[in-house]
Structure formats: C-alpha cells, structure tokens
PDB file of N, CA and C in Angstrom:
ATOM      1  N   MET A   1      18.610  43.648 -51.411  1.00  0.00           N
ATOM      2  CA  MET A   1      19.354  42.461 -51.255  1.00  0.00           C
ATOM      3  C   MET A   1      18.909  41.784 -49.988  1.00  0.00           C
ATOM      4  N   LYS A   2      18.712  40.485 -50.091  1.00  0.00           N
ATOM      5  CA  LYS A   2      18.391  39.609 -48.871  1.00  0.00           C
ATOM      6  C   LYS A   2      19.621  39.475 -47.958  1.00  0.00           C
ATOM      7  N   PHE A   3      19.303  39.354 -46.635  1.00  0.00           N
ATOM      8  CA  PHE A   3      20.468  39.183 -45.727  1.00  0.00           C
ATOM      9  C   PHE A   3      21.217  37.909 -45.985  1.00  0.00           C
ATOM     10  N   PHE A   4      22.612  37.974 -45.881  1.00  0.00           N
ATOM     11  CA  PHE A   4      23.409  36.729 -46.091  1.00  0.00           C
ATOM     12  C   PHE A   4      24.691  37.052 -45.348  1.00  0.00           C
ATOM     13  N   LEU A   5      25.486  36.026 -45.012  1.00  0.00           N
ATOM     14  CA  LEU A   5      26.776  36.138 -44.495  1.00  0.00           C
ATOM     15  C   LEU A   5      27.659  35.368 -45.514  1.00  0.00           C
ATOM     16  N   PRO A   6      28.673  35.956 -45.890  1.00  0.00           N
ATOM     17  CA  PRO A   6      29.617  35.462 -47.114  1.00  0.00           C
ATOM     18  C   PRO A   6      30.054  33.975 -46.830  1.00  0.00           C
ATOM     19  N   VAL A   7      30.098  33.563 -45.712  1.00  0.00           N
ATOM     20  CA  VAL A   7      30.611  32.143 -45.306  1.00  0.00           C
ATOM     21  C   VAL A   7      29.574  31.094 -44.987  1.00  0.00           C
ATOM     22  N   ALA A   8      28.272  31.534 -44.865  1.00  0.00           N
ATOM     23  CA  ALA A   8      27.301  30.555 -44.429  1.00  0.00           C
ATOM     24  C   ALA A   8      26.126  30.697 -45.286  1.00  0.00           C
ATOM     25  N   GLU A   9      25.809  29.632 -46.075  1.00  0.00           N
ATOM     26  CA  GLU A   9      24.676  29.455 -46.914  1.00  0.00           C
ATOM     27  C   GLU A   9      23.397  29.237 -46.168  1.00  0.00           C
ATOM     28  N   ASP A  10      23.483  28.469 -45.216  1.00  0.00           N
ATOM     29  CA  ASP A  10      22.263  28.255 -44.366  1.00  0.00           C
ATOM     30  C   ASP A  10      21.854  29.433 -43.467  1.00  0.00           C
ATOM     31  N   THR A  11      20.572  29.945 -43.737  1.00  0.00           N
ATOM     32  CA  THR A  11      20.098  31.191 -43.006  1.00  0.00           C
ATOM     33  C   THR A  11      20.339  31.156 -41.421  1.00  0.00           C
ATOM     34  N   LYS A  12      19.970  29.958 -40.857  1.00  0.00           N
ATOM     35  CA  LYS A  12      20.141  29.796 -39.432  1.00  0.00           C
ATOM     36  C   LYS A  12      21.556  29.966 -39.004  1.00  0.00           C
ATOM     37  N   ILE A  13      22.460  29.263 -39.744  1.00  0.00           N
ATOM     38  CA  ILE A  13      23.939  29.496 -39.284  1.00  0.00           C
ATOM     39  C   ILE A  13      24.353  30.966 -39.579  1.00  0.00           C
ATOM     40  N   ALA A  14      23.951  31.523 -40.699  1.00  0.00           N
ATOM     41  CA  ALA A  14      24.294  32.878 -40.996  1.00  0.00           C
ATOM     42  C   ALA A  14      23.878  33.758 -39.846  1.00  0.00           C
ATOM     43  N   GLN A  15      22.553  33.618 -39.374  1.00  0.00           N
ATOM     44  CA  GLN A  15      22.051  34.461 -38.222  1.00  0.00           C
ATOM     45  C   GLN A  15      22.879  34.222 -37.012  1.00  0.00           C
ATOM     46  N   GLU A  16      23.209  32.995 -36.657  1.00  0.00           N
ATOM     47  CA  GLU A  16      23.976  32.756 -35.594  1.00  0.00           C
ATOM     48  C   GLU A  16      25.372  33.344 -35.583  1.00  0.00           C
ATOM     49  N   ASN A  17      26.013  33.166 -36.794  1.00  0.00           N
ATOM     50  CA  ASN A  17      27.407  33.769 -36.912  1.00  0.00           C
ATOM     51  C   ASN A  17      27.327  35.381 -36.876  1.00  0.00           C
ATOM     52  N   TYR A  18      26.249  35.884 -37.518  1.00  0.00           N
ATOM     53  CA  TYR A  18      26.113  37.426 -37.506  1.00  0.00           C
ATOM     54  C   TYR A  18      26.024  37.834 -36.051  1.00  0.00           C
ATOM     55  N   GLU A  19      25.180  37.216 -35.254  1.00  0.00           N
ATOM     56  CA  GLU A  19      24.988  37.516 -33.826  1.00  0.00           C
ATOM     57  C   GLU A  19      26.223  37.488 -33.094  1.00  0.00           C
ATOM     58  N   ALA A  20      26.971  36.413 -33.246  1.00  0.00           N
ATOM     59  CA  ALA A  20      28.292  36.262 -32.608  1.00  0.00           C
ATOM     60  C   ALA A  20      29.287  37.323 -33.010  1.00  0.00           C
ATOM     61  N   ILE A  21      29.288  37.777 -34.151  1.00  0.00           N
ATOM     62  CA  ILE A  21      30.128  38.847 -34.729  1.00  0.00           C
ATOM     63  C   ILE A  21      29.707  40.164 -34.029  1.00  0.00           C
ATOM     64  N   LYS A  22      28.376  40.401 -33.834  1.00  0.00           N
ATOM     65  CA  LYS A  22      27.813  41.630 -33.242  1.00  0.00           C
ATOM     66  C   LYS A  22      28.188  41.686 -31.826  1.00  0.00           C
ATOM     67  N   LYS A  23      28.018  40.509 -31.102  1.00  0.00           N
ATOM     68  CA  LYS A  23      28.493  40.584 -29.698  1.00  0.00           C
ATOM     69  C   LYS A  23      29.956  40.851 -29.563  1.00  0.00           C
ATOM     70  N   PHE A  24      30.780  40.258 -30.421  1.00  0.00           N
ATOM     71  CA  PHE A  24      32.307  40.446 -30.381  1.00  0.00           C
ATOM     72  C   PHE A  24      32.509  41.965 -30.469  1.00  0.00           C
ATOM     73  N   ILE A  25      31.858  42.631 -31.492  1.00  0.00           N
ATOM     74  CA  ILE A  25      32.099  44.044 -31.901  1.00  0.00           C
ATOM     75  C   ILE A  25      31.532  44.896 -30.572  1.00  0.00           C
ATOM     76  N   GLU A  26      30.402  44.545 -30.021  1.00  0.00           N
ATOM     77  CA  GLU A  26      30.051  45.242 -28.800  1.00  0.00           C
ATOM     78  C   GLU A  26      31.001  45.173 -27.715  1.00  0.00           C
ATOM     79  N   LYS A  27      31.642  43.881 -27.517  1.00  0.00           N
ATOM     80  CA  LYS A  27      32.647  43.734 -26.396  1.00  0.00           C
ATOM     81  C   LYS A  27      33.806  44.639 -26.930  1.00  0.00           C
ATOM     82  N   GLN A  28      34.369  44.618 -27.930  1.00  0.00           N
ATOM     83  CA  GLN A  28      35.458  45.229 -28.431  1.00  0.00           C
ATOM     84  C   GLN A  28      35.417  46.829 -28.410  1.00  0.00           C
ATOM     85  N   THR A  29      34.275  47.453 -28.735  1.00  0.00           N
ATOM     86  CA  THR A  29      34.079  48.816 -28.895  1.00  0.00           C
ATOM     87  C   THR A  29      33.435  49.403 -27.521  1.00  0.00           C
ATOM     88  N   GLY A  30      32.637  48.488 -26.852  1.00  0.00           N
ATOM     89  CA  GLY A  30      31.859  49.074 -25.673  1.00  0.00           C
ATOM     90  C   GLY A  30      30.591  49.713 -26.132  1.00  0.00           C
ATOM     91  N   TRP A  31      30.252  49.672 -27.409  1.00  0.00           N
ATOM     92  CA  TRP A  31      29.017  50.426 -27.885  1.00  0.00           C
ATOM     93  C   TRP A  31      27.901  49.333 -28.065  1.00  0.00           C
ATOM     94  N   PRO A  32      26.664  49.667 -27.724  1.00  0.00           N
ATOM     95  CA  PRO A  32      25.536  48.820 -28.127  1.00  0.00           C
ATOM     96  C   PRO A  32      25.251  48.937 -29.665  1.00  0.00           C
ATOM     97  N   ILE A  33      25.158  47.919 -30.285  1.00  0.00           N
ATOM     98  CA  ILE A  33      25.071  47.878 -31.817  1.00  0.00           C
ATOM     99  C   ILE A  33      23.529  47.881 -32.264  1.00  0.00           C
ATOM    100  N   SER A  34      23.302  48.750 -33.116  1.00  0.00           N
ATOM    101  CA  SER A  34      21.850  48.706 -33.745  1.00  0.00           C
ATOM    102  C   SER A  34      21.552  47.315 -34.409  1.00  0.00           C
ATOM    103  N   ASP A  35      20.275  46.994 -34.438  1.00  0.00           N
ATOM    104  CA  ASP A  35      19.845  45.794 -35.102  1.00  0.00           C
ATOM    105  C   ASP A  35      19.749  45.883 -36.516  1.00  0.00           C
ATOM    106  N   THR A  36      19.831  46.999 -37.086  1.00  0.00           N
ATOM    107  CA  THR A  36      19.831  47.270 -38.551  1.00  0.00           C
ATOM    108  C   THR A  36      20.869  46.493 -39.214  1.00  0.00           C
ATOM    109  N   ARG A  37      20.683  45.878 -40.247  1.00  0.00           N
ATOM    110  CA  ARG A  37      21.660  45.119 -40.987  1.00  0.00           C
ATOM    111  C   ARG A  37      22.002  45.791 -42.319  1.00  0.00           C
ATOM    112  N   TYR A  38      23.319  46.225 -42.429  1.00  0.00           N
ATOM    113  CA  TYR A  38      23.692  47.000 -43.718  1.00  0.00           C
ATOM    114  C   TYR A  38      24.387  46.049 -44.728  1.00  0.00           C
ATOM    115  N   TYR A  39      23.931  46.282 -45.865  1.00  0.00           N
ATOM    116  CA  TYR A  39      24.630  45.647 -46.980  1.00  0.00           C
ATOM    117  C   TYR A  39      25.876  46.272 -47.614  1.00  0.00           C
ATOM    118  N   GLU A  40      25.841  47.645 -47.642  1.00  0.00           N
ATOM    119  CA  GLU A  40      26.994  48.452 -48.272  1.00  0.00           C
ATOM    120  C   GLU A  40      26.954  49.838 -47.641  1.00  0.00           C
ATOM    121  N   ILE A  41      28.122  50.496 -47.828  1.00  0.00           N
ATOM    122  CA  ILE A  41      28.291  51.799 -47.465  1.00  0.00           C
ATOM    123  C   ILE A  41      29.185  52.522 -48.493  1.00  0.00           C
ATOM    124  N   HIS A  42      28.981  53.863 -48.541  1.00  0.00           N
ATOM    125  CA  HIS A  42      29.803  54.713 -49.412  1.00  0.00           C
ATOM    126  C   HIS A  42      30.211  55.690 -48.439  1.00  0.00           C
ATOM    127  N   TYR A  43      31.634  55.999 -48.299  1.00  0.00           N
ATOM    128  CA  TYR A  43      32.225  56.985 -47.299  1.00  0.00           C
ATOM    129  C   TYR A  43      33.400  57.636 -47.716  1.00  0.00           C
ATOM    130  N   ARG A  44      33.706  58.596 -47.144  1.00  0.00           N
ATOM    131  CA  ARG A  44      35.008  59.442 -47.363  1.00  0.00           C
ATOM    132  C   ARG A  44      35.884  59.214 -46.250  1.00  0.00           C
ATOM    133  N   HIS A  45      37.166  59.004 -46.530  1.00  0.00           N
ATOM    134  CA  HIS A  45      38.372  58.973 -45.532  1.00  0.00           C
ATOM    135  C   HIS A  45      39.513  59.610 -46.068  1.00  0.00           C
ATOM    136  N   ASN A  46      40.102  60.523 -45.395  1.00  0.00           N
ATOM    137  CA  ASN A  46      41.253  61.298 -45.952  1.00  0.00           C
ATOM    138  C   ASN A  46      41.145  61.781 -47.366  1.00  0.00           C
ATOM    139  N   ASP A  47      40.042  62.372 -47.554  1.00  0.00           N
ATOM    140  CA  ASP A  47      39.685  62.946 -48.875  1.00  0.00           C
ATOM    141  C   ASP A  47      39.687  61.876 -50.070  1.00  0.00           C
ATOM    142  N   GLN A  48      39.319  60.655 -49.725  1.00  0.00           N
ATOM    143  CA  GLN A  48      39.224  59.566 -50.727  1.00  0.00           C
ATOM    144  C   GLN A  48      37.722  59.073 -50.567  1.00  0.00           C
ATOM    145  N   ASP A  49      37.177  58.639 -51.616  1.00  0.00           N
ATOM    146  CA  ASP A  49      35.844  57.943 -51.515  1.00  0.00           C
ATOM    147  C   ASP A  49      36.091  56.378 -51.550  1.00  0.00           C
ATOM    148  N   PHE A  50      35.348  55.755 -50.627  1.00  0.00           N
ATOM    149  CA  PHE A  50      35.467  54.306 -50.443  1.00  0.00           C
ATOM    150  C   PHE A  50      34.025  53.683 -50.483  1.00  0.00           C
ATOM    151  N   HIS A  51      33.996  52.406 -50.919  1.00  0.00           N
ATOM    152  CA  HIS A  51      32.792  51.637 -50.984  1.00  0.00           C
ATOM    153  C   HIS A  51      33.077  50.321 -50.472  1.00  0.00           C
ATOM    154  N   ALA A  52      32.347  49.899 -49.392  1.00  0.00           N
ATOM    155  CA  ALA A  52      32.490  48.571 -48.782  1.00  0.00           C
ATOM    156  C   ALA A  52      31.050  47.829 -48.895  1.00  0.00           C
ATOM    157  N   ARG A  53      31.168  46.624 -49.317  1.00  0.00           N
ATOM    158  CA  ARG A  53      30.051  45.809 -49.541  1.00  0.00           C
ATOM    159  C   ARG A  53      30.189  44.424 -48.863  1.00  0.00           C
ATOM    160  N   VAL A  54      29.160  43.973 -48.242  1.00  0.00           N
ATOM    161  CA  VAL A  54      29.192  42.606 -47.741  1.00  0.00           C
ATOM    162  C   VAL A  54      29.488  41.574 -48.723  1.00  0.00           C
ATOM    163  N   GLY A  55      30.547  40.720 -48.546  1.00  0.00           N
ATOM    164  CA  GLY A  55      30.890  39.760 -49.573  1.00  0.00           C
ATOM    165  C   GLY A  55      31.973  40.130 -50.443  1.00  0.00           C
ATOM    166  N   GLY A  56      32.155  41.562 -50.552  1.00  0.00           N
ATOM    167  CA  GLY A  56      33.112  42.052 -51.449  1.00  0.00           C
ATOM    168  C   GLY A  56      34.452  42.366 -50.714  1.00  0.00           C
ATOM    169  N   PRO A  57      35.580  42.757 -51.334  1.00  0.00           N
ATOM    170  CA  PRO A  57      36.873  43.116 -50.743  1.00  0.00           C
ATOM    171  C   PRO A  57      36.832  44.451 -50.028  1.00  0.00           C
ATOM    172  N   ASP A  58      37.199  44.683 -48.856  1.00  0.00           N
ATOM    173  CA  ASP A  58      37.241  45.968 -48.241  1.00  0.00           C
ATOM    174  C   ASP A  58      38.332  46.776 -48.968  1.00  0.00           C
ATOM    175  N   PRO A  59      37.991  48.100 -49.288  1.00  0.00           N
ATOM    176  CA  PRO A  59      38.908  48.959 -50.012  1.00  0.00           C
ATOM    177  C   PRO A  59      40.319  49.294 -49.188  1.00  0.00           C
ATOM    178  N   LEU A  60      40.187  49.126 -47.883  1.00  0.00           N
ATOM    179  CA  LEU A  60      41.434  49.368 -47.223  1.00  0.00           C
ATOM    180  C   LEU A  60      42.522  48.189 -46.873  1.00  0.00           C
ATOM    181  N   ASN A  61      41.869  47.147 -46.640  1.00  0.00           N
ATOM    182  CA  ASN A  61      42.790  46.016 -46.421  1.00  0.00           C
ATOM    183  C   ASN A  61      42.629  44.809 -47.365  1.00  0.00           C
ATOM    184  N   GLY A  62      41.550  44.889 -48.337  1.00  0.00           N
ATOM    185  CA  GLY A  62      41.531  43.894 -49.353  1.00  0.00           C
ATOM    186  C   GLY A  62      40.840  42.600 -48.803  1.00  0.00           C
ATOM    187  N   GLU A  63      40.483  42.451 -47.568  1.00  0.00           N
ATOM    188  CA  GLU A  63      39.717  41.378 -46.998  1.00  0.00           C
ATOM    189  C   GLU A  63      38.240  41.277 -47.280  1.00  0.00           C
ATOM    190  N   LYS A  64      37.707  40.137 -47.274  1.00  0.00           N
ATOM    191  CA  LYS A  64      36.337  40.181 -47.593  1.00  0.00           C
ATOM    192  C   LYS A  64      35.517  40.792 -46.368  1.00  0.00           C
ATOM    193  N   VAL A  65      34.471  41.554 -46.779  1.00  0.00           N
ATOM    194  CA  VAL A  65      33.654  42.165 -45.757  1.00  0.00           C
ATOM    195  C   VAL A  65      32.691  41.277 -45.267  1.00  0.00           C
ATOM    196  N   PHE A  66      32.562  40.836 -43.966  1.00  0.00           N
ATOM    197  CA  PHE A  66      31.655  39.950 -43.418  1.00  0.00           C
ATOM    198  C   PHE A  66      30.238  40.653 -42.948  1.00  0.00           C
ATOM    199  N   ALA A  67      30.432  41.804 -42.343  1.00  0.00           N
ATOM    200  CA  ALA A  67      29.259  42.542 -41.834  1.00  0.00           C
ATOM    201  C   ALA A  67      29.606  44.041 -41.703  1.00  0.00           C
ATOM    202  N   ILE A  68      28.533  44.800 -41.709  1.00  0.00           N
ATOM    203  CA  ILE A  68      28.761  46.229 -41.403  1.00  0.00           C
ATOM    204  C   ILE A  68      27.699  46.549 -40.383  1.00  0.00           C
ATOM    205  N   PHE A  69      28.151  47.182 -39.216  1.00  0.00           N
ATOM    206  CA  PHE A  69      27.412  47.572 -38.116  1.00  0.00           C
ATOM    207  C   PHE A  69      27.430  49.006 -37.914  1.00  0.00           C
ATOM    208  N   LYS A  70      26.562  49.447 -37.135  1.00  0.00           N
ATOM    209  CA  LYS A  70      26.387  50.879 -36.671  1.00  0.00           C
ATOM    210  C   LYS A  70      25.954  50.897 -35.274  1.00  0.00           C
ATOM    211  N   PRO A  71      26.468  51.614 -34.400  1.00  0.00           N
ATOM    212  CA  PRO A  71      26.112  51.662 -33.002  1.00  0.00           C
ATOM    213  C   PRO A  71      24.731  52.352 -32.934  1.00  0.00           C
ATOM    214  N   LYS A  72      24.000  51.986 -31.716  1.00  0.00           N
ATOM    215  CA  LYS A  72      22.710  52.676 -31.691  1.00  0.00           C
ATOM    216  C   LYS A  72      22.780  54.173 -31.522  1.00  0.00           C
ATOM    217  N   LYS A  73      23.869  54.720 -31.053  1.00  0.00           N
ATOM    218  CA  LYS A  73      24.023  56.163 -30.905  1.00  0.00           C
ATOM    219  C   LYS A  73      24.087  56.777 -32.303  1.00  0.00           C
ATOM    220  N   PRO A  74      23.211  57.619 -32.679  1.00  0.00           N
ATOM    221  CA  PRO A  74      23.211  58.209 -34.077  1.00  0.00           C
ATOM    222  C   PRO A  74      24.522  58.754 -34.505  1.00  0.00           C
ATOM    223  N   SER A  75      25.236  59.333 -33.686  1.00  0.00           N
ATOM    224  CA  SER A  75      26.583  59.786 -34.166  1.00  0.00           C
ATOM    225  C   SER A  75      27.680  58.887 -34.213  1.00  0.00           C
ATOM    226  N   GLY A  76      27.434  57.673 -33.853  1.00  0.00           N
ATOM    227  CA  GLY A  76      28.425  56.555 -33.920  1.00  0.00           C
ATOM    228  C   GLY A  76      28.865  56.422 -35.322  1.00  0.00           C
ATOM    229  N   PRO A  77      30.106  55.887 -35.515  1.00  0.00           N
ATOM    230  CA  PRO A  77      30.547  55.411 -36.855  1.00  0.00           C
ATOM    231  C   PRO A  77      29.987  54.150 -37.227  1.00  0.00           C
ATOM    232  N   PHE A  78      30.131  53.965 -38.605  1.00  0.00           N
ATOM    233  CA  PHE A  78      29.807  52.731 -39.290  1.00  0.00           C
ATOM    234  C   PHE A  78      31.009  51.818 -38.935  1.00  0.00           C
ATOM    235  N   LEU A  79      30.826  50.479 -38.763  1.00  0.00           N
ATOM    236  CA  LEU A  79      31.933  49.454 -38.450  1.00  0.00           C
ATOM    237  C   LEU A  79      31.891  48.520 -39.479  1.00  0.00           C
ATOM    238  N   VAL A  80      33.108  48.354 -40.228  1.00  0.00           N
ATOM    239  CA  VAL A  80      33.108  47.382 -41.303  1.00  0.00           C
ATOM    240  C   VAL A  80      33.999  46.286 -40.647  1.00  0.00           C
ATOM    241  N   CYS A  81      33.423  44.992 -40.857  1.00  0.00           N
ATOM    242  CA  CYS A  81      34.219  43.905 -40.106  1.00  0.00           C
ATOM    243  C   CYS A  81      34.596  42.909 -41.230  1.00  0.00           C
ATOM    244  N   THR A  82      36.063  42.649 -41.263  1.00  0.00           N
ATOM    245  CA  THR A  82      36.596  41.720 -42.103  1.00  0.00           C
ATOM    246  C   THR A  82      37.214  40.670 -41.183  1.00  0.00           C
ATOM    247  N   TYR A  83      37.822  39.718 -41.688  1.00  0.00           N
ATOM    248  CA  TYR A  83      38.359  38.497 -40.998  1.00  0.00           C
ATOM    249  C   TYR A  83      39.231  39.001 -39.786  1.00  0.00           C
ATOM    250  N   SER A  84      40.183  39.896 -40.101  1.00  0.00           N
ATOM    251  CA  SER A  84      41.187  40.360 -39.150  1.00  0.00           C
ATOM    252  C   SER A  84      40.867  41.582 -38.472  1.00  0.00           C
ATOM    253  N   ARG A  85      39.793  42.168 -38.968  1.00  0.00           N
ATOM    254  CA  ARG A  85      39.317  43.474 -38.354  1.00  0.00           C
ATOM    255  C   ARG A  85      37.926  43.349 -37.855  1.00  0.00           C
ATOM    256  N   GLY A  86      37.747  42.651 -36.746  1.00  0.00           N
ATOM    257  CA  GLY A  86      36.347  42.604 -36.075  1.00  0.00           C
ATOM    258  C   GLY A  86      35.622  41.265 -36.171  1.00  0.00           C
ATOM    259  N   VAL A  87      36.140  40.359 -36.914  1.00  0.00           N
ATOM    260  CA  VAL A  87      35.507  39.032 -37.053  1.00  0.00           C
ATOM    261  C   VAL A  87      36.012  38.097 -35.938  1.00  0.00           C
ATOM    262  N   ILE A  88      37.378  37.885 -36.093  1.00  0.00           N
ATOM    263  CA  ILE A  88      38.018  36.968 -35.072  1.00  0.00           C
ATOM    264  C   ILE A  88      39.026  37.624 -34.191  1.00  0.00           C
ATOM    265  N   GLN A  89      39.306  38.910 -34.580  1.00  0.00           N
ATOM    266  CA  GLN A  89      40.310  39.682 -33.693  1.00  0.00           C
ATOM    267  C   GLN A  89      40.304  41.030 -34.144  1.00  0.00           C
ATOM    268  N   GLY A  90      40.821  41.884 -33.274  1.00  0.00           N
ATOM    269  CA  GLY A  90      41.018  43.361 -33.547  1.00  0.00           C
ATOM    270  C   GLY A  90      39.821  44.166 -33.761  1.00  0.00           C
ATOM    271  N   GLN A  91      39.997  45.507 -33.846  1.00  0.00           N
ATOM    272  CA  GLN A  91      38.946  46.411 -33.963  1.00  0.00           C
ATOM    273  C   GLN A  91      38.468  46.460 -35.509  1.00  0.00           C
ATOM    274  N   PRO A  92      37.099  46.719 -35.612  1.00  0.00           N
ATOM    275  CA  PRO A  92      36.682  46.958 -37.072  1.00  0.00           C
ATOM    276  C   PRO A  92      37.154  48.094 -37.711  1.00  0.00           C
ATOM    277  N   ILE A  93      37.032  48.285 -38.978  1.00  0.00           N
ATOM    278  CA  ILE A  93      37.367  49.337 -39.682  1.00  0.00           C
ATOM    279  C   ILE A  93      36.361  50.549 -39.462  1.00  0.00           C
ATOM    280  N   VAL A  94      36.794  51.646 -39.102  1.00  0.00           N
ATOM    281  CA  VAL A  94      35.753  52.699 -38.792  1.00  0.00           C
ATOM    282  C   VAL A  94      35.569  53.649 -40.053  1.00  0.00           C
ATOM    283  N   ALA A  95      34.182  53.729 -40.348  1.00  0.00           N
ATOM    284  CA  ALA A  95      33.711  54.646 -41.396  1.00  0.00           C
ATOM    285  C   ALA A  95      32.900  55.700 -40.747  1.00  0.00           C
ATOM    286  N   SER A  96      32.894  56.847 -41.375  1.00  0.00           N
ATOM    287  CA  SER A  96      32.255  57.992 -40.772  1.00  0.00           C
ATOM    288  C   SER A  96      30.680  57.723 -40.631  1.00  0.00           C
ATOM    289  N   HIS A  97      30.139  58.403 -39.507  1.00  0.00           N
ATOM    290  CA  HIS A  97      28.743  58.180 -39.106  1.00  0.00           C
ATOM    291  C   HIS A  97      27.816  58.640 -40.237  1.00  0.00           C
ATOM    292  N   ASP A  98      28.271  59.492 -41.182  1.00  0.00           N
ATOM    293  CA  ASP A  98      27.330  60.142 -42.061  1.00  0.00           C
ATOM    294  C   ASP A  98      27.610  59.442 -43.580  1.00  0.00           C
ATOM    295  N   ALA A  99      28.158  58.208 -43.494  1.00  0.00           N
ATOM    296  CA  ALA A  99      28.263  57.526 -44.725  1.00  0.00           C
ATOM    297  C   ALA A  99      26.982  57.158 -45.240  1.00  0.00           C
ATOM    298  N   GLN A 100      26.850  56.999 -46.558  1.00  0.00           N
ATOM    299  CA  GLN A 100      25.604  56.676 -47.191  1.00  0.00           C
ATOM    300  C   GLN A 100      25.569  55.106 -47.184  1.00  0.00           C
ATOM    301  N   ALA A 101      24.447  54.661 -46.467  1.00  0.00           N
ATOM    302  CA  ALA A 101      24.285  53.162 -46.160  1.00  0.00           C
ATOM    303  C   ALA A 101      23.259  52.621 -46.900  1.00  0.00           C
ATOM    304  N   VAL A 102      23.416  51.407 -47.288  1.00  0.00           N
ATOM    305  CA  VAL A 102      22.260  50.537 -47.897  1.00  0.00           C
ATOM    306  C   VAL A 102      21.885  49.450 -47.009  1.00  0.00           C
ATOM    307  N   GLU A 103      20.704  49.303 -46.569  1.00  0.00           N
ATOM    308  CA  GLU A 103      20.275  48.122 -45.686  1.00  0.00           C
ATOM    309  C   GLU A 103      19.995  47.010 -46.477  1.00  0.00           C
ATOM    310  N   PHE A 104      20.139  45.760 -45.739  1.00  0.00           N
ATOM    311  CA  PHE A 104      19.501  44.645 -46.345  1.00  0.00           C
ATOM    312  C   PHE A 104      18.019  44.773 -46.216  1.00  0.00           C
ATOM    313  N   GLU A 105      17.393  43.919 -47.186  1.00  0.00           N
ATOM    314  CA  GLU A 105      15.865  43.998 -47.233  1.00  0.00           C
ATOM    315  C   GLU A 105      15.351  43.491 -45.812  1.00  0.00           C
ATOM    316  N   PRO A 106      14.359  44.189 -45.352  1.00  0.00           N
ATOM    317  CA  PRO A 106      13.862  43.642 -44.040  1.00  0.00           C
ATOM    318  C   PRO A 106      13.205  42.320 -44.225  1.00  0.00           C
ATOM    319  N   GLU A 107      13.424  41.498 -43.107  1.00  0.00           N
ATOM    320  CA  GLU A 107      12.735  40.120 -43.247  1.00  0.00           C
ATOM    321  C   GLU A 107      11.991  39.930 -42.049  1.00  0.00           C
ATOM    322  N   GLY A 108      11.136  38.934 -42.079  1.00  0.00           N
ATOM    323  CA  GLY A 108      10.371  38.350 -40.772  1.00  0.00           C
ATOM    324  C   GLY A 108      11.465  37.677 -39.947  1.00  0.00           C
ATOM    325  N   LYS A 109      10.982  37.220 -38.849  1.00  0.00           N
ATOM    326  CA  LYS A 109      11.822  36.405 -37.919  1.00  0.00           C
ATOM    327  C   LYS A 109      12.400  35.271 -38.675  1.00  0.00           C
ATOM    328  N   LEU A 110      13.633  34.962 -38.551  1.00  0.00           N
ATOM    329  CA  LEU A 110      14.254  33.829 -39.140  1.00  0.00           C
ATOM    330  C   LEU A 110      13.962  32.653 -38.469  1.00  0.00           C
ATOM    331  N   HIS A 111      13.726  31.444 -39.112  1.00  0.00           N
ATOM    332  CA  HIS A 111      13.306  30.196 -38.304  1.00  0.00           C
ATOM    333  C   HIS A 111      14.484  29.306 -38.365  1.00  0.00           C
TER     334      HIS A 111
END
C-alpha cells in the first residue's frame, strides 16, 4: 500500500500532517519515533485479537486511524493514533511491541 493520510489527498500535505502528528506523539510520549511508516497492525490485548489499519476504524474506540507509529527502541509499543488519541489531544492507543505490522510501501523522497 502506498503511503497516505486519511484526510489529505495531496502528498505534500499528507507528509506535513504526518510529521506534525509524529512530533506531537514524540512530545506526548517522550520517545523518539522511528521513520518507518506502518499501514496496519494485528495485536492481542486482554486476550482479544485486534486489527488496526490506517483509514479504518480503531477497534477500541471506533475512531478513524490516522497513523501508526513505533518508537525507535525495539521493545517500544506500537502507537495507534486517532483523532482524540494522539492526533489533536491525548495519548495514542498502545499496542504491544510484538504486534504483527505491515509497512507502507517504501517511497523515494516526496516532492
């Protein structure tokens, strides 16, 4: 899947918004965030299986998933960002570090 942000069709605007969310998450969590872009993850929480995908509803709060991040620290959890959890306010939804993740297709530098 090619990189996209659910609310920005223009690639440059999507990139700018993605970087703004990433900086907000770094400030909120205090963790440096990896440059890897994730499209979806499958994880377990409280003995239940969950699946979160950018552009789709989050299984825990029903809001649209805007981005999925992972700290640079290998044992850090995945961070699922929805409107009220990591995009404009609050902490992101935390998913286990060993979740099965799918990355966006690698791209050259965006223009």
